[in-house]
Amino acid sequence: MATTHTIRTVGSIPAKYVPRKRPRSRPSSVGCHRVALVHGEHEQKVDEFVIYSDEDEDAEDENDGEEDENSRDGGGYIALGGVPHHAAHSYHHSFRRKRSFMQKYQPVSHSFADYVLARSQGHCRLEHQNVNEEFGTRHMLTTGMFRERPIPLDRINKVFCSQWLSDHQIAMGTKCNKLMVYDVNTRQMDIIPSLRSMEAMRPPDQPCGIHSIEINPSRTLLATGALNSHDVAVYRLPTLDPVCVGEKAHSDWIFDMCWLDDQFLVSGSRDTRLALWKIDDETDKSDTNNLPNYGHIKPVKVKQCSGAEKVRAVIFNPNLVEIVALSLNAYVHVWDANRFAQKMSKKLPHAMENVCLTRKEDSSLYAIGSKSHTTLLDPRTLHYVKKVNARITGCGIRSVSFHGDVLTIGTGVGAIMFYDMRAGKYMESTMNSGRAVVLKSTKGWVSADDQYHDVFHNVEYTPAIYTHCYDWSGMRLFTAGGPLPASLKGNYAALWC
């Protein structure tokens, strides 16, 4: 659960542990193994993989950048799959290598008591300390300690998105265009007024509600949908005072957003466009009535996403400085964040209901949810690493997220599943051997009208999990959603702890 690595600051290393220079040995033919290259890799079809380039760019600069990236990713290897040049030779002599003084005598403690004691004494500067963030999550899941605590939402229609604002506050957006904040301690629900656009802006004929809530890296600004589903609203944290409304970028509903840094924001819409916004927090003013006054901003750039049909999800990869967009026609589109230009598009293996996209905390893996599968992609090449089949066929995956090496999957039938990335299989319970860990939600509330009886005639109703999020400790999981059919009205929200 915790690791405390003490660094000695007094004394010297014994002479026998000091490394000495050894004379070079003659090269021997024994031990030099050459690994054969792997042949027969399938070629990519033209309609499944498209690369975009600007005419003004220099081709030599791009080639140099690719060579640098390849040297970083695969330096020192001569074969596919990351096989070293002398893999067998180095492995053959690894057990003969004498352990160093630090490895043999440097104390390492895995006790959580030692971790807390060293932290309280202020030894963080002299010791390396880390905590396994997913330990508590794994322990509670495998032992069946998670218990559902339903959150009543009255007649609110479908919760689409959510974020933890603090250790006791959860923000959520609904289809009826309400931004709400739930206090876990007091169990009170507060409704935040939606920001209005200018009078000249025409509201949509059928508002779709709030589909995205995103917080910038410094946790000082919150971006979400405005009263007009085509516009962006920005609030200040932790007070949730209005900052500005972004207008004149999209002509259809905004489905998702992502922050590039503390100022720049990218939004993706159903009109297949991506918009780049710059949020200037210094323009906030107050009027004479001491009421919060917010400004109206225009996008820095608006560009069409080539080959896309209704941009459904958008994320930012800080390691590669890339914007990744998911469209409903089963394509993944990669954009250069520095130039805000599209680089390439890749066809996904599963074409039905690709609606959710996420990445690991270290940006080493992408996860895309479809109707019956979760596709894991390599961010560097967009080649799929693994296809995770849903335990319930045709369940419709509606939300995915990474918490360490635990992939959490929210389905359209009210079940939350957990896939262990290290074990390569669904997480199993330690209480019931061989049984997978699945959290089954209650029904919540649904309007039992004529359409409800037509859809769920002789079929048990279960809500779809449109959103879920862990708190900072991983010991509490918030799940929310509502009926899967668009014509039905209802809601579901619960806190698992």
Protein backbone atom coordinates (compact mmCIF):
# COMPACT_ATOMS: atom_id res chain seq x y z
CA MET A 1 0.00 0.00 0.00
CA ALA A 2 2.88 2.40 0.84
CA THR A 3 6.64 2.49 0.27
CA THR A 4 9.19 4.44 2.34
CA HIS A 5 12.75 4.46 0.97
CA THR A 6 15.29 5.94 3.43
CA ILE A 7 18.40 7.67 2.08
CA ARG A 8 21.44 7.59 4.37
CA THR A 9 23.20 10.93 4.80
CA VAL A 10 25.96 10.03 7.32
CA GLY A 11 28.91 7.72 6.73
CA SER A 12 30.67 6.41 3.65
CA ILE A 13 30.26 3.38 1.44
CA PRO A 14 32.66 0.48 2.23
CA ALA A 15 35.51 0.05 -0.20
CA LYS A 16 34.36 -3.34 -1.43
CA TYR A 17 31.12 -1.80 -2.67
CA VAL A 18 32.81 1.01 -4.61
CA PRO A 19 32.64 0.17 -8.34
CA ARG A 20 36.01 -0.29 -10.01
CA LYS A 21 36.97 -0.02 -13.64
CA ARG A 22 37.35 -3.38 -15.30
CA PRO A 23 39.53 -4.08 -18.34
CA ARG A 24 37.72 -4.63 -21.56
CA SER A 25 37.17 -8.24 -22.46
CA ARG A 26 37.63 -9.52 -25.96
CA PRO A 27 34.44 -9.74 -27.98
CA SER A 28 33.16 -13.26 -28.06
CA SER A 29 30.97 -14.77 -30.66
CA VAL A 30 29.11 -16.64 -27.94
CA GLY A 31 26.14 -14.77 -26.52
CA CYS A 32 25.49 -12.52 -29.51
CA HIS A 33 22.00 -13.43 -30.49
CA ARG A 34 20.26 -11.79 -33.35
CA VAL A 35 16.49 -11.65 -33.25
CA ALA A 36 14.69 -12.10 -36.50
CA LEU A 37 12.35 -9.38 -37.64
CA VAL A 38 8.66 -10.09 -37.68
CA HIS A 39 7.19 -10.14 -41.18
CA GLY A 40 3.67 -10.33 -42.49
CA GLU A 41 2.17 -7.23 -40.87
CA HIS A 42 -1.08 -6.24 -42.52
CA GLU A 43 -1.08 -3.02 -44.49
CA GLN A 44 -3.49 -0.28 -43.47
CA LYS A 45 -6.30 0.46 -45.88
CA VAL A 46 -6.54 3.93 -47.29
CA ASP A 47 -10.08 4.51 -46.09
CA GLU A 48 -9.24 3.32 -42.56
CA PHE A 49 -6.15 5.44 -41.93
CA VAL A 50 -5.84 8.99 -43.25
CA ILE A 51 -2.92 11.36 -42.63
CA TYR A 52 -3.39 15.10 -43.00
CA SER A 53 -0.60 17.56 -43.80
CA ASP A 54 -0.34 21.29 -44.50
CA GLU A 55 1.15 22.51 -47.78
CA ASP A 56 3.17 25.20 -46.06
CA GLU A 57 5.01 22.78 -43.78
CA ASP A 58 8.47 21.52 -44.53
CA ALA A 59 8.61 17.76 -45.06
CA GLU A 60 12.14 17.52 -43.72
CA ASP A 61 11.17 18.92 -40.33
CA GLU A 62 8.43 16.32 -39.98
CA ASN A 63 10.83 13.50 -40.84
CA ASP A 64 13.33 14.76 -38.27
CA GLY A 65 10.62 14.89 -35.62
CA GLU A 66 9.52 11.33 -36.39
CA GLU A 67 13.13 10.08 -36.20
CA ASP A 68 13.57 11.73 -32.80
CA GLU A 69 10.37 10.16 -31.53
CA ASN A 70 11.36 6.74 -32.84
CA SER A 71 14.77 7.07 -31.21
CA ARG A 72 13.13 7.84 -27.90
CA ASP A 73 10.56 5.07 -28.15
CA GLY A 74 12.67 2.32 -29.66
CA GLY A 75 16.30 3.32 -29.13
CA GLY A 76 18.68 0.41 -28.70
CA TYR A 77 16.35 -2.17 -30.27
CA ILE A 78 16.67 -3.97 -33.57
CA ALA A 79 13.48 -5.99 -33.58
CA LEU A 80 9.76 -5.33 -33.34
CA GLY A 81 8.14 -5.61 -29.96
CA GLY A 82 10.99 -3.96 -28.01
CA VAL A 83 13.50 -6.87 -27.95
CA PRO A 84 17.02 -5.77 -26.94
CA HIS A 85 20.00 -6.53 -29.18
CA HIS A 86 21.63 -8.79 -26.59
CA ALA A 87 18.51 -9.75 -24.65
CA ALA A 88 19.46 -13.33 -23.98
CA HIS A 89 23.08 -12.44 -23.23
CA SER A 90 22.19 -9.75 -20.66
CA TYR A 91 19.62 -11.99 -19.04
CA HIS A 92 22.13 -14.83 -18.83
CA HIS A 93 24.59 -12.72 -16.81
CA SER A 94 22.05 -10.72 -14.77
CA PHE A 95 21.97 -13.16 -11.84
CA ARG A 96 25.76 -13.02 -11.45
CA ARG A 97 25.79 -9.28 -10.92
CA LYS A 98 26.54 -8.35 -7.32
CA ARG A 99 24.00 -6.15 -5.60
CA SER A 100 25.15 -2.67 -4.70
CA PHE A 101 25.48 -1.34 -1.16
CA MET A 102 22.33 0.77 -1.55
CA GLN A 103 20.32 -2.19 -2.77
CA LYS A 104 21.54 -4.44 0.03
CA TYR A 105 21.57 -2.17 3.06
CA GLN A 106 19.32 0.75 2.26
CA PRO A 107 16.15 0.24 4.32
CA VAL A 108 12.86 0.02 2.44
CA SER A 109 9.60 -0.23 4.39
CA HIS A 110 6.22 -1.17 2.98
CA SER A 111 4.40 -0.41 6.22
CA PHE A 112 1.82 2.35 6.10
CA ALA A 113 2.63 3.18 9.74
CA ASP A 114 6.22 4.00 8.76
CA TYR A 115 4.94 6.14 5.91
CA VAL A 116 2.72 8.21 8.21
CA LEU A 117 5.45 8.48 10.85
CA ALA A 118 8.09 9.69 8.37
CA ARG A 119 5.67 12.19 6.88
CA SER A 120 4.75 13.58 10.31
CA GLN A 121 8.43 13.99 11.17
CA GLY A 122 9.08 15.96 7.99
CA HIS A 123 11.51 13.50 6.41
CA CYS A 124 10.05 13.81 2.92
CA ARG A 125 13.18 15.66 1.77
CA LEU A 126 15.45 12.78 2.81
CA GLU A 127 13.19 9.87 1.89
CA HIS A 128 11.31 8.69 -1.18
CA GLN A 129 7.68 8.04 -0.30
CA ASN A 130 4.77 6.94 -2.45
CA VAL A 131 1.32 5.47 -1.93
CA ASN A 132 -0.50 3.05 -4.20
CA GLU A 133 -3.57 5.10 -5.04
CA GLU A 134 -5.61 2.16 -6.27
CA PHE A 135 -4.93 -0.09 -3.26
CA GLY A 136 -8.05 1.06 -1.43
CA THR A 137 -10.18 0.76 -4.56
CA ARG A 138 -9.00 -2.78 -5.24
CA HIS A 139 -9.48 -3.85 -1.63
CA MET A 140 -13.04 -2.49 -1.42
CA LEU A 141 -14.03 -3.99 -4.77
CA THR A 142 -12.60 -7.47 -4.23
CA THR A 143 -14.00 -7.75 -0.71
CA GLY A 144 -17.45 -6.40 -1.59
CA MET A 145 -17.26 -3.37 0.70
CA PHE A 146 -18.88 -0.88 -1.71
CA ARG A 147 -22.46 -0.08 -0.71
CA GLU A 148 -24.87 1.98 -2.77
CA ARG A 149 -26.31 5.14 -1.27
CA PRO A 150 -28.98 6.51 -3.64
CA ILE A 151 -29.20 10.29 -4.12
CA PRO A 152 -32.74 11.59 -4.71
CA LEU A 153 -33.02 14.00 -7.66
CA ASP A 154 -36.80 14.55 -7.72
CA ARG A 155 -37.93 14.99 -11.35
CA ILE A 156 -34.55 15.85 -12.87
CA ASN A 157 -34.06 14.31 -16.32
CA LYS A 158 -30.88 12.23 -16.92
CA VAL A 159 -27.46 13.11 -15.49
CA PHE A 160 -24.92 13.20 -18.34
CA CYS A 161 -21.67 14.36 -16.66
CA SER A 162 -20.09 14.79 -13.23
CA GLN A 163 -16.92 15.93 -11.46
CA TRP A 164 -15.70 16.01 -7.86
CA LEU A 165 -15.15 19.65 -6.87
CA SER A 166 -13.75 18.81 -3.43
CA ASP A 167 -13.81 15.98 -0.92
CA HIS A 168 -17.49 16.70 -0.18
CA GLN A 169 -18.94 18.37 -3.31
CA ILE A 170 -19.95 16.82 -6.63
CA ALA A 171 -20.97 18.84 -9.70
CA MET A 172 -23.30 17.27 -12.24
CA GLY A 173 -25.00 18.35 -15.47
CA THR A 174 -28.40 17.12 -16.64
CA LYS A 175 -30.39 16.82 -19.85
CA CYS A 176 -32.83 19.44 -18.60
CA ASN A 177 -29.92 21.91 -18.69
CA LYS A 178 -29.32 22.18 -14.95
CA LEU A 179 -25.90 22.52 -13.30
CA MET A 180 -26.16 21.13 -9.77
CA VAL A 181 -23.79 20.70 -6.84
CA TYR A 182 -24.41 17.96 -4.29
CA ASP A 183 -22.89 18.13 -0.81
CA VAL A 184 -22.02 14.66 0.46
CA ASN A 185 -21.88 15.70 4.12
CA THR A 186 -25.10 17.71 4.37
CA ARG A 187 -26.91 15.85 1.53
CA GLN A 188 -28.13 19.12 0.08
CA MET A 189 -28.48 19.89 -3.63
CA ASP A 190 -27.78 23.39 -4.97
CA ILE A 191 -28.70 24.51 -8.49
CA ILE A 192 -26.22 26.89 -10.17
CA PRO A 193 -27.86 29.39 -12.57
CA SER A 194 -26.99 28.75 -16.20
CA LEU A 195 -25.27 31.54 -18.11
CA ARG A 196 -27.24 33.24 -20.87
CA SER A 197 -25.83 34.14 -24.25
CA MET A 198 -26.36 37.41 -26.06
CA GLU A 199 -29.87 38.22 -27.24
CA ALA A 200 -28.81 37.95 -30.88
CA MET A 201 -27.86 34.30 -30.44
CA ARG A 202 -30.70 31.97 -31.38
CA PRO A 203 -31.30 29.14 -28.91
CA PRO A 204 -31.51 25.58 -30.26
CA ASP A 205 -34.87 24.15 -31.20
CA GLN A 206 -34.38 21.13 -28.94
CA PRO A 207 -31.91 21.77 -26.09
CA CYS A 208 -29.87 18.69 -25.27
CA GLY A 209 -28.66 19.79 -21.84
CA ILE A 210 -25.17 19.73 -20.34
CA HIS A 211 -22.96 16.91 -21.63
CA SER A 212 -19.57 17.92 -20.23
CA ILE A 213 -18.01 19.35 -17.07
CA GLU A 214 -14.25 19.92 -17.15
CA ILE A 215 -11.88 21.51 -14.60
CA ASN A 216 -8.58 23.11 -15.61
CA PRO A 217 -5.28 21.69 -14.24
CA SER A 218 -4.95 24.31 -11.47
CA ARG A 219 -8.60 23.70 -10.45
CA THR A 220 -9.47 27.39 -10.65
CA LEU A 221 -11.93 27.30 -13.57
CA LEU A 222 -14.80 25.02 -14.51
CA ALA A 223 -16.07 24.77 -18.10
CA THR A 224 -19.49 23.39 -18.99
CA GLY A 225 -22.48 24.07 -21.24
CA ALA A 226 -24.37 27.35 -21.17
CA LEU A 227 -28.13 27.89 -21.28
CA ASN A 228 -27.75 27.73 -25.05
CA SER A 229 -26.53 24.21 -25.81
CA HIS A 230 -24.31 25.61 -28.59
CA ASP A 231 -22.22 27.77 -26.23
CA VAL A 232 -19.62 27.32 -23.50
CA ALA A 233 -19.97 28.60 -19.91
CA VAL A 234 -16.99 29.12 -17.59
CA TYR A 235 -17.20 29.45 -13.79
CA ARG A 236 -14.59 30.27 -11.17
CA LEU A 237 -13.73 27.73 -8.48
CA PRO A 238 -14.41 27.21 -5.65
CA THR A 239 -17.09 29.93 -5.53
CA LEU A 240 -18.69 29.04 -8.90
CA ASP A 241 -18.94 32.71 -9.85
CA PRO A 242 -19.55 33.21 -13.59
CA VAL A 243 -16.55 34.23 -15.68
CA CYS A 244 -17.66 34.28 -19.33
CA VAL A 245 -19.76 32.68 -22.07
CA GLY A 246 -18.20 31.47 -25.31
CA GLU A 247 -20.34 32.12 -28.38
CA LYS A 248 -20.41 32.02 -32.20
CA ALA A 249 -18.41 28.82 -32.60
CA HIS A 250 -20.89 25.96 -32.99
CA SER A 251 -24.21 25.58 -34.74
CA ASP A 252 -25.23 22.40 -32.90
CA TRP A 253 -25.00 20.80 -29.47
CA ILE A 254 -21.66 20.70 -27.65
CA PHE A 255 -20.88 17.14 -26.58
CA ASP A 256 -17.48 17.39 -24.89
CA MET A 257 -14.62 19.71 -23.85
CA CYS A 258 -11.03 19.43 -22.67
CA TRP A 259 -8.51 21.87 -21.17
CA LEU A 260 -5.10 22.25 -22.80
CA ASP A 261 -3.78 24.28 -19.87
CA ASP A 262 -5.18 26.80 -17.41
CA GLN A 263 -6.29 29.21 -20.17
CA PHE A 264 -7.00 27.34 -23.39
CA LEU A 265 -10.06 25.16 -23.85
CA VAL A 266 -11.20 22.97 -26.77
CA SER A 267 -14.87 22.10 -27.41
CA GLY A 268 -16.30 19.47 -29.76
CA SER A 269 -19.79 19.66 -31.19
CA ARG A 270 -22.33 17.67 -33.15
CA ASP A 271 -21.68 20.00 -36.10
CA THR A 272 -18.30 18.17 -36.56
CA ARG A 273 -16.30 21.25 -35.54
CA LEU A 274 -13.62 21.82 -32.92
CA ALA A 275 -13.29 25.27 -31.35
CA LEU A 276 -10.32 26.71 -29.48
CA TRP A 277 -11.09 29.18 -26.67
CA LYS A 278 -8.87 31.43 -24.58
CA ILE A 279 -10.28 32.17 -21.13
CA ASP A 280 -9.04 35.47 -19.71
CA ASP A 281 -9.90 35.48 -16.03
CA GLU A 282 -8.87 39.12 -15.54
CA THR A 283 -11.89 40.51 -17.41
CA ASP A 284 -14.32 39.65 -14.63
CA LYS A 285 -16.17 42.71 -13.24
CA SER A 286 -19.16 43.48 -11.05
CA ASP A 287 -22.00 45.87 -11.77
CA THR A 288 -23.51 48.50 -9.49
CA ASN A 289 -26.03 46.07 -7.99
CA ASN A 290 -23.24 43.86 -6.62
CA LEU A 291 -24.37 41.06 -8.91
CA PRO A 292 -21.81 38.95 -10.75
CA ASN A 293 -21.29 40.13 -14.29
CA TYR A 294 -19.71 37.92 -16.94
CA GLY A 295 -18.32 38.66 -20.36
CA HIS A 296 -18.93 37.18 -23.80
CA ILE A 297 -15.99 35.84 -25.78
CA LYS A 298 -15.44 34.49 -29.28
CA PRO A 299 -13.32 31.49 -30.21
CA VAL A 300 -9.69 31.85 -31.20
CA LYS A 301 -10.11 29.29 -33.99
CA VAL A 302 -12.87 27.07 -35.33
CA LYS A 303 -12.01 24.20 -37.67
CA GLN A 304 -13.90 21.36 -39.30
CA CYS A 305 -12.90 17.85 -38.28
CA SER A 306 -12.32 16.08 -41.60
CA GLY A 307 -13.89 12.66 -41.89
CA ALA A 308 -15.93 13.07 -38.70
CA GLU A 309 -19.64 12.65 -38.17
CA LYS A 310 -20.79 14.31 -34.93
CA VAL A 311 -17.80 14.75 -32.61
CA ARG A 312 -18.77 12.84 -29.48
CA ALA A 313 -15.75 13.02 -27.16
CA VAL A 314 -12.54 15.07 -26.89
CA ILE A 315 -9.45 14.53 -24.71
CA PHE A 316 -5.96 16.08 -24.50
CA ASN A 317 -2.70 14.12 -24.34
CA PRO A 318 -0.08 16.33 -22.62
CA ASN A 319 2.78 13.93 -23.35
CA LEU A 320 2.32 14.03 -27.13
CA VAL A 321 0.70 17.52 -27.12
CA GLU A 322 -2.22 16.14 -29.12
CA ILE A 323 -5.98 16.57 -29.11
CA VAL A 324 -7.89 13.32 -29.71
CA ALA A 325 -11.50 13.45 -30.92
CA LEU A 326 -13.97 10.58 -31.26
CA SER A 327 -16.76 10.72 -33.85
CA LEU A 328 -19.90 8.63 -34.09
CA ASN A 329 -18.85 7.11 -37.43
CA ALA A 330 -16.21 5.07 -35.53
CA TYR A 331 -13.18 7.24 -36.30
CA VAL A 332 -10.48 8.61 -34.00
CA HIS A 333 -9.02 11.96 -35.10
CA VAL A 334 -5.67 13.30 -33.86
CA TRP A 335 -4.94 17.03 -33.84
CA ASP A 336 -1.71 18.90 -33.18
CA ALA A 337 -2.44 21.08 -30.16
CA ASN A 338 0.30 23.61 -30.93
CA ARG A 339 -0.93 24.35 -34.45
CA PHE A 340 -4.55 23.33 -33.87
CA ALA A 341 -4.39 21.32 -37.08
CA GLN A 342 -5.65 17.83 -37.85
CA LYS A 343 -2.89 15.23 -38.29
CA MET A 344 -4.57 11.90 -38.99
CA SER A 345 -7.69 9.78 -38.61
CA LYS A 346 -8.02 6.08 -37.81
CA LYS A 347 -10.95 3.73 -38.27
CA LEU A 348 -11.98 1.80 -35.15
CA PRO A 349 -12.54 -1.97 -35.23
CA HIS A 350 -16.08 -1.69 -33.82
CA ALA A 351 -18.46 0.61 -35.65
CA MET A 352 -21.52 0.71 -33.37
CA GLU A 353 -22.15 3.29 -30.62
CA ASN A 354 -18.66 4.67 -30.02
CA VAL A 355 -19.66 7.36 -27.53
CA CYS A 356 -17.04 7.55 -24.73
CA LEU A 357 -13.28 8.12 -24.69
CA THR A 358 -10.72 8.41 -21.89
CA ARG A 359 -6.99 8.05 -21.24
CA LYS A 360 -4.75 6.83 -18.43
CA GLU A 361 -3.27 9.32 -16.01
CA ASP A 362 0.16 8.94 -17.63
CA SER A 363 -1.35 9.21 -21.15
CA SER A 364 0.02 5.78 -22.08
CA LEU A 365 -3.29 4.28 -23.21
CA TYR A 366 -6.66 5.26 -24.67
CA ALA A 367 -9.95 3.47 -23.95
CA ILE A 368 -13.00 3.75 -26.21
CA GLY A 369 -16.38 2.30 -25.32
CA SER A 370 -18.69 0.88 -28.01
CA LYS A 371 -21.80 -1.29 -27.96
CA SER A 372 -20.22 -4.51 -26.68
CA HIS A 373 -16.47 -3.80 -26.45
CA THR A 374 -13.89 -1.51 -24.90
CA THR A 375 -11.04 -0.87 -27.33
CA LEU A 376 -7.60 -0.04 -25.90
CA LEU A 377 -5.38 2.01 -28.25
CA ASP A 378 -1.70 2.90 -28.26
CA PRO A 379 -1.51 6.74 -28.34
CA ARG A 380 1.62 6.74 -30.54
CA THR A 381 0.27 4.65 -33.41
CA LEU A 382 -3.49 4.38 -32.66
CA HIS A 383 -3.18 0.60 -33.14
CA TYR A 384 -5.49 -1.29 -30.83
CA VAL A 385 -3.68 -3.06 -28.01
CA LYS A 386 -6.59 -5.12 -26.75
CA LYS A 387 -10.32 -5.53 -27.23
CA VAL A 388 -12.12 -6.03 -23.92
CA ASN A 389 -15.40 -7.82 -24.46
CA ALA A 390 -18.26 -6.72 -22.24
CA ARG A 391 -19.54 -9.40 -19.89
CA ILE A 392 -23.07 -8.49 -20.97
CA THR A 393 -23.50 -8.70 -24.74
CA GLY A 394 -24.98 -5.58 -26.31
CA CYS A 395 -25.05 -3.69 -23.01
CA GLY A 396 -23.94 -0.41 -24.61
CA ILE A 397 -20.91 1.08 -22.83
CA ARG A 398 -21.70 4.66 -21.88
CA SER A 399 -18.78 5.74 -19.64
CA VAL A 400 -15.17 4.62 -19.12
CA SER A 401 -12.43 5.84 -16.81
CA PHE A 402 -8.99 4.81 -15.52
CA HIS A 403 -8.05 4.77 -11.85
CA GLY A 404 -4.49 3.53 -11.87
CA ASP A 405 -4.57 0.10 -13.49
CA VAL A 406 -8.31 -0.34 -12.88
CA LEU A 407 -10.54 0.35 -15.88
CA THR A 408 -14.09 1.20 -14.77
CA ILE A 409 -16.86 0.59 -17.32
CA GLY A 410 -20.38 2.00 -16.99
CA THR A 411 -22.97 0.22 -19.11
CA GLY A 412 -26.44 0.98 -20.45
CA VAL A 413 -28.05 -1.72 -18.31
CA GLY A 414 -27.15 -0.36 -14.87
CA ALA A 415 -24.03 -2.49 -14.28
CA ILE A 416 -20.56 -1.12 -13.45
CA MET A 417 -17.71 -3.47 -14.37
CA PHE A 418 -14.02 -3.33 -13.46
CA TYR A 419 -11.19 -4.56 -15.67
CA ASP A 420 -7.76 -5.25 -14.16
CA MET A 421 -5.12 -3.98 -16.60
CA ARG A 422 -2.27 -5.78 -14.85
CA ALA A 423 -4.00 -9.17 -14.73
CA GLY A 424 -5.56 -8.75 -18.18
CA LYS A 425 -9.02 -9.81 -17.03
CA TYR A 426 -12.06 -8.59 -15.17
CA MET A 427 -11.48 -8.11 -11.47
CA GLU A 428 -12.56 -11.10 -9.40
CA SER A 429 -13.91 -11.20 -5.87
CA THR A 430 -11.84 -12.68 -3.08
CA MET A 431 -14.99 -13.54 -1.13
CA ASN A 432 -16.61 -15.58 -3.92
CA SER A 433 -13.91 -17.36 -5.88
CA GLY A 434 -14.24 -17.06 -9.66
CA ARG A 435 -17.00 -14.45 -9.56
CA ALA A 436 -16.32 -11.12 -11.28
CA VAL A 437 -16.81 -7.85 -9.41
CA VAL A 438 -19.93 -6.07 -10.71
CA LEU A 439 -21.85 -3.25 -9.06
CA LYS A 440 -25.54 -3.32 -9.96
CA SER A 441 -27.46 -0.08 -9.59
CA THR A 442 -31.00 0.40 -8.43
CA LYS A 443 -33.75 1.74 -10.70
CA GLY A 444 -33.79 5.36 -9.58
CA TRP A 445 -36.78 7.28 -10.93
CA VAL A 446 -38.44 6.96 -14.35
CA SER A 447 -41.61 8.49 -15.72
CA ALA A 448 -43.99 5.56 -16.25
CA ASP A 449 -45.87 6.95 -19.24
CA ASP A 450 -47.16 5.19 -22.35
CA GLN A 451 -43.73 5.27 -24.00
CA TYR A 452 -42.22 3.60 -20.96
CA HIS A 453 -44.68 0.69 -21.17
CA ASP A 454 -44.06 0.36 -24.90
CA VAL A 455 -40.28 0.16 -24.49
CA PHE A 456 -40.10 -1.93 -21.30
CA HIS A 457 -43.06 -4.20 -21.87
CA ASN A 458 -42.35 -7.42 -19.91
CA VAL A 459 -38.73 -6.25 -19.54
CA GLU A 460 -37.13 -5.12 -16.28
CA TYR A 461 -36.01 -1.47 -16.38
CA THR A 462 -32.44 -0.55 -15.47
CA PRO A 463 -30.85 2.89 -15.86
CA ALA A 464 -27.83 3.62 -18.03
CA ILE A 465 -24.63 4.77 -16.29
CA TYR A 466 -23.83 7.89 -18.34
CA THR A 467 -21.16 9.15 -15.95
CA HIS A 468 -19.03 8.01 -13.03
CA CYS A 469 -16.06 9.49 -11.17
CA TYR A 470 -13.83 8.61 -8.22
CA ASP A 471 -12.82 10.99 -5.48
CA TRP A 472 -9.12 11.68 -4.79
CA SER A 473 -8.78 8.67 -2.49
CA GLY A 474 -10.52 6.17 -4.76
CA MET A 475 -12.65 5.01 -1.82
CA ARG A 476 -15.82 6.69 -3.07
CA LEU A 477 -17.41 6.26 -6.51
CA PHE A 478 -20.18 8.50 -7.83
CA THR A 479 -22.41 7.04 -10.56
CA ALA A 480 -25.33 8.71 -12.34
CA GLY A 481 -27.47 8.42 -15.45
CA GLY A 482 -31.02 7.68 -16.46
CA PRO A 483 -33.11 5.83 -19.06
CA LEU A 484 -31.23 4.79 -22.19
CA PRO A 485 -34.01 5.59 -24.72
CA ALA A 486 -33.98 9.28 -25.63
CA SER A 487 -37.77 9.55 -25.42
CA LEU A 488 -37.98 8.48 -21.77
CA LYS A 489 -37.59 10.79 -18.79
CA GLY A 490 -35.92 9.72 -15.55
CA ASN A 491 -32.78 9.90 -13.44
CA TYR A 492 -30.40 7.89 -11.31
CA ALA A 493 -27.60 8.96 -8.97
CA ALA A 494 -25.78 7.14 -6.19
CA LEU A 495 -22.63 7.29 -4.11
CA TRP A 496 -20.78 4.00 -3.58
CA CYS A 497 -18.66 3.97 -0.44
